[in-house]
N, C-alpha and C. Protein backbone atom coordinates (compact mmCIF):
# COMPACT_ATOMS: atom_id res chain seq x y z
N MET A 1 2.55 128.73 37.50
CA MET A 1 3.67 127.80 37.00
C MET A 1 4.58 127.81 38.15
N ALA A 2 5.44 126.45 38.34
CA ALA A 2 7.02 126.46 38.38
C ALA A 2 7.66 126.40 38.18
N LYS A 3 8.42 126.83 39.03
CA LYS A 3 10.06 127.75 38.30
C LYS A 3 11.33 126.22 37.55
N PRO A 4 11.80 126.36 36.83
CA PRO A 4 12.92 125.56 36.54
C PRO A 4 13.35 125.58 37.42
N ASP A 5 13.96 123.89 37.95
CA ASP A 5 15.11 123.51 38.49
C ASP A 5 16.62 124.68 38.15
N ASP A 6 16.86 125.55 38.28
CA ASP A 6 18.50 125.79 38.29
C ASP A 6 19.14 125.46 38.96
N ARG A 7 20.64 124.46 38.49
CA ARG A 7 21.22 123.67 39.75
C ARG A 7 22.68 124.56 39.33
N SER A 8 22.79 125.79 38.35
CA SER A 8 23.58 125.90 37.42
C SER A 8 24.55 126.42 38.04
N ASP A 9 23.94 127.53 40.09
CA ASP A 9 25.21 128.03 40.67
C ASP A 9 25.35 127.38 41.76
N ASN A 10 24.91 126.02 41.98
CA ASN A 10 24.74 125.34 43.32
C ASN A 10 26.36 125.24 43.69
N VAL A 11 27.35 124.57 42.96
CA VAL A 11 29.01 125.19 43.62
C VAL A 11 29.03 125.95 44.39
N GLU A 12 28.71 127.18 43.32
CA GLU A 12 29.33 128.72 44.39
C GLU A 12 28.73 128.31 45.28
N LYS A 13 27.23 128.44 45.64
CA LYS A 13 26.44 128.60 46.96
C LYS A 13 27.35 127.34 47.80
N LEU A 14 27.68 126.73 47.36
CA LEU A 14 27.90 125.36 48.43
C LEU A 14 29.59 126.17 48.49
N GLN A 15 30.74 126.84 47.97
CA GLN A 15 31.73 127.05 47.96
C GLN A 15 31.51 128.01 49.00
N ASP A 16 30.65 129.09 49.10
CA ASP A 16 30.72 130.14 49.85
C ASP A 16 30.10 129.94 51.41
N ALA A 17 29.07 129.07 51.11
CA ALA A 17 29.35 128.12 52.12
C ALA A 17 29.83 127.78 53.12
N ILE A 18 30.20 127.59 53.00
CA ILE A 18 31.77 126.37 53.09
C ILE A 18 32.89 127.92 53.57
N GLN A 19 32.76 128.48 53.43
CA GLN A 19 34.20 129.62 53.40
C GLN A 19 33.52 130.17 54.26
N ASP A 20 31.75 130.40 54.61
CA ASP A 20 31.32 131.39 55.97
C ASP A 20 31.54 130.64 57.18
N THR A 21 31.78 129.22 56.50
CA THR A 21 31.44 128.04 57.84
C THR A 21 33.06 127.95 58.40
N ILE A 22 34.16 128.35 57.75
CA ILE A 22 35.61 128.05 57.80
C ILE A 22 35.87 128.95 58.46
N GLU A 23 34.75 130.57 58.51
CA GLU A 23 35.21 131.50 59.10
C GLU A 23 34.94 131.90 60.65
N ASN A 24 32.83 131.51 60.93
CA ASN A 24 32.58 131.49 61.61
C ASN A 24 33.59 129.86 62.91
N PHE A 25 33.92 128.74 62.27
CA PHE A 25 34.90 128.29 63.32
C PHE A 25 35.39 129.39 63.54
N ARG A 26 36.81 129.98 63.04
CA ARG A 26 38.06 129.95 63.24
C ARG A 26 37.66 131.60 64.20
N GLU A 27 36.47 132.37 63.83
CA GLU A 27 36.18 133.50 64.30
C GLU A 27 36.17 132.60 66.37
N GLY A 28 34.94 131.33 66.41
CA GLY A 28 34.83 130.79 67.73
C GLY A 28 36.34 130.26 68.40
N GLN A 29 36.65 129.78 67.79
CA GLN A 29 38.73 129.04 68.43
C GLN A 29 39.30 130.65 68.24
N ASP A 30 39.72 131.30 68.20
CA ASP A 30 39.91 132.78 68.56
C ASP A 30 39.60 133.44 69.51
N TYR A 31 38.02 133.60 69.30
CA TYR A 31 37.46 133.24 70.86
C TYR A 31 37.72 132.81 71.57
N LEU A 32 38.00 131.11 71.70
CA LEU A 32 37.85 130.35 73.03
C LEU A 32 39.45 131.18 73.68
N SER A 33 40.64 130.87 72.32
CA SER A 33 41.89 131.34 72.69
C SER A 33 41.61 132.18 73.57
N GLU A 34 41.26 133.70 73.06
CA GLU A 34 41.70 134.98 73.07
C GLU A 34 41.25 135.44 74.73
N HIS A 35 40.04 134.82 75.08
CA HIS A 35 38.94 134.81 76.03
C HIS A 35 39.06 133.53 77.44
N ALA A 36 39.93 132.67 77.13
CA ALA A 36 39.75 131.97 78.18
C ALA A 36 39.51 131.85 79.50
N ASP A 37 40.46 132.71 80.10
CA ASP A 37 40.36 133.13 81.40
C ASP A 37 39.29 134.20 81.71
N GLU A 38 38.19 134.40 80.62
CA GLU A 38 36.96 135.56 81.40
C GLU A 38 35.94 134.02 80.44
N ILE A 39 35.64 133.67 80.39
CA ILE A 39 34.85 132.93 79.52
C ILE A 39 33.89 132.21 80.51
N SER A 40 32.63 131.80 81.03
CA SER A 40 32.57 130.77 81.52
C SER A 40 32.08 129.11 80.87
N GLY A 41 32.10 128.17 82.01
CA GLY A 41 32.35 126.41 81.16
C GLY A 41 31.70 127.06 80.24
N ASP A 42 29.71 127.30 80.75
CA ASP A 42 29.16 126.36 80.12
C ASP A 42 29.69 127.60 78.14
N GLU A 43 29.42 128.46 78.38
CA GLU A 43 30.20 129.35 77.31
C GLU A 43 30.97 128.74 76.15
N LYS A 44 32.05 128.22 77.18
CA LYS A 44 32.76 127.47 76.52
C LYS A 44 32.55 125.74 75.47
N ALA A 45 31.77 125.44 76.79
CA ALA A 45 30.98 124.80 76.20
C ALA A 45 30.35 124.31 75.01
N GLN A 46 29.73 125.47 74.68
CA GLN A 46 28.40 126.39 73.69
C GLN A 46 29.21 126.33 72.29
N ILE A 47 30.39 127.06 72.53
CA ILE A 47 31.17 127.26 71.57
C ILE A 47 31.85 126.21 71.15
N GLU A 48 32.47 125.44 71.57
CA GLU A 48 33.22 124.41 71.12
C GLU A 48 32.03 123.32 70.91
N ALA A 49 30.92 123.23 71.05
CA ALA A 49 29.59 122.16 70.54
C ALA A 49 29.61 123.34 68.88
N LYS A 50 29.18 123.98 69.25
CA LYS A 50 28.81 125.01 68.04
C LYS A 50 29.90 124.40 66.50
N ASN A 51 31.34 124.98 67.37
CA ASN A 51 32.32 124.04 66.31
C ASN A 51 31.58 123.34 65.53
N LYS A 52 31.74 122.29 66.44
CA LYS A 52 31.86 120.62 66.13
C LYS A 52 30.63 120.70 65.13
N ARG A 53 30.00 121.50 65.53
CA ARG A 53 28.57 121.46 64.68
C ARG A 53 28.92 121.94 62.89
N ARG A 54 29.58 123.15 63.43
CA ARG A 54 29.91 123.73 62.00
C ARG A 54 30.97 122.65 61.19
N LEU A 55 32.14 121.83 61.96
CA LEU A 55 32.87 120.58 60.91
C LEU A 55 32.03 119.57 61.02
N GLN A 56 30.86 119.15 60.83
CA GLN A 56 30.02 118.38 60.45
C GLN A 56 29.71 119.19 59.00
N SER A 57 28.81 120.37 59.31
CA SER A 57 28.44 121.07 58.21
C SER A 57 29.48 121.27 56.86
N ILE A 58 31.14 121.30 57.19
CA ILE A 58 31.62 121.81 56.33
C ILE A 58 32.24 120.51 55.26
N ARG A 59 32.22 119.32 56.82
CA ARG A 59 31.99 118.16 55.17
C ARG A 59 30.84 117.74 54.58
N GLY A 60 30.09 118.00 54.72
CA GLY A 60 28.67 117.76 54.63
C GLY A 60 28.37 119.01 52.88
N PHE A 61 28.52 120.02 53.38
CA PHE A 61 29.13 121.10 52.19
C PHE A 61 29.90 120.40 50.77
N ARG A 62 30.74 119.89 51.51
CA ARG A 62 31.96 119.36 51.03
C ARG A 62 31.92 118.31 50.22
N GLU A 63 30.58 116.94 50.77
CA GLU A 63 29.68 115.86 50.46
C GLU A 63 29.02 116.73 49.09
N GLU A 64 28.46 118.00 49.29
CA GLU A 64 27.70 118.23 48.26
C GLU A 64 28.13 118.73 47.26
N VAL A 65 29.49 119.13 47.38
CA VAL A 65 30.23 119.93 46.00
C VAL A 65 30.03 119.17 45.71
N LYS A 66 30.57 117.63 45.71
CA LYS A 66 30.89 116.39 45.03
C LYS A 66 29.92 116.21 43.76
N ASP A 67 28.89 115.78 44.83
CA ASP A 67 27.57 115.12 44.37
C ASP A 67 27.28 116.04 42.86
N GLU A 68 27.02 117.75 43.18
CA GLU A 68 26.60 118.74 42.24
C GLU A 68 27.57 118.72 41.48
N ALA A 69 29.12 118.58 41.36
CA ALA A 69 30.31 118.43 39.87
C ALA A 69 29.83 116.87 39.31
N ALA A 70 29.61 115.85 40.14
CA ALA A 70 29.28 114.59 39.69
C ALA A 70 28.58 114.52 38.75
N ASP A 71 27.22 115.41 38.86
CA ASP A 71 26.07 115.71 38.16
C ASP A 71 25.94 116.54 37.00
N ALA A 72 27.10 117.22 37.04
CA ALA A 72 27.77 118.43 35.95
C ALA A 72 28.50 117.57 35.11
N GLN A 73 28.45 116.95 35.26
CA GLN A 73 29.60 116.17 34.58
C GLN A 73 28.69 114.88 33.62
N LYS A 74 27.35 114.98 34.20
CA LYS A 74 26.70 113.17 33.28
C LYS A 74 26.25 114.79 31.86
């Protein structure tokens, strides 16, 4: 038998994911600024691309939080 769909903690999980992603973004930015003279162009490009994806993920997570909050109001 399938488990019932329990969405009661989705917003909390999404907020945790947002916080984790923001932390990873900041670590990437810090790494770039602290090691600018030591890293290769390829490594810099990879970190910048990853951080760009992180920002996109954060936006998506925030939209999901809005959707979940709207569903909870129903």
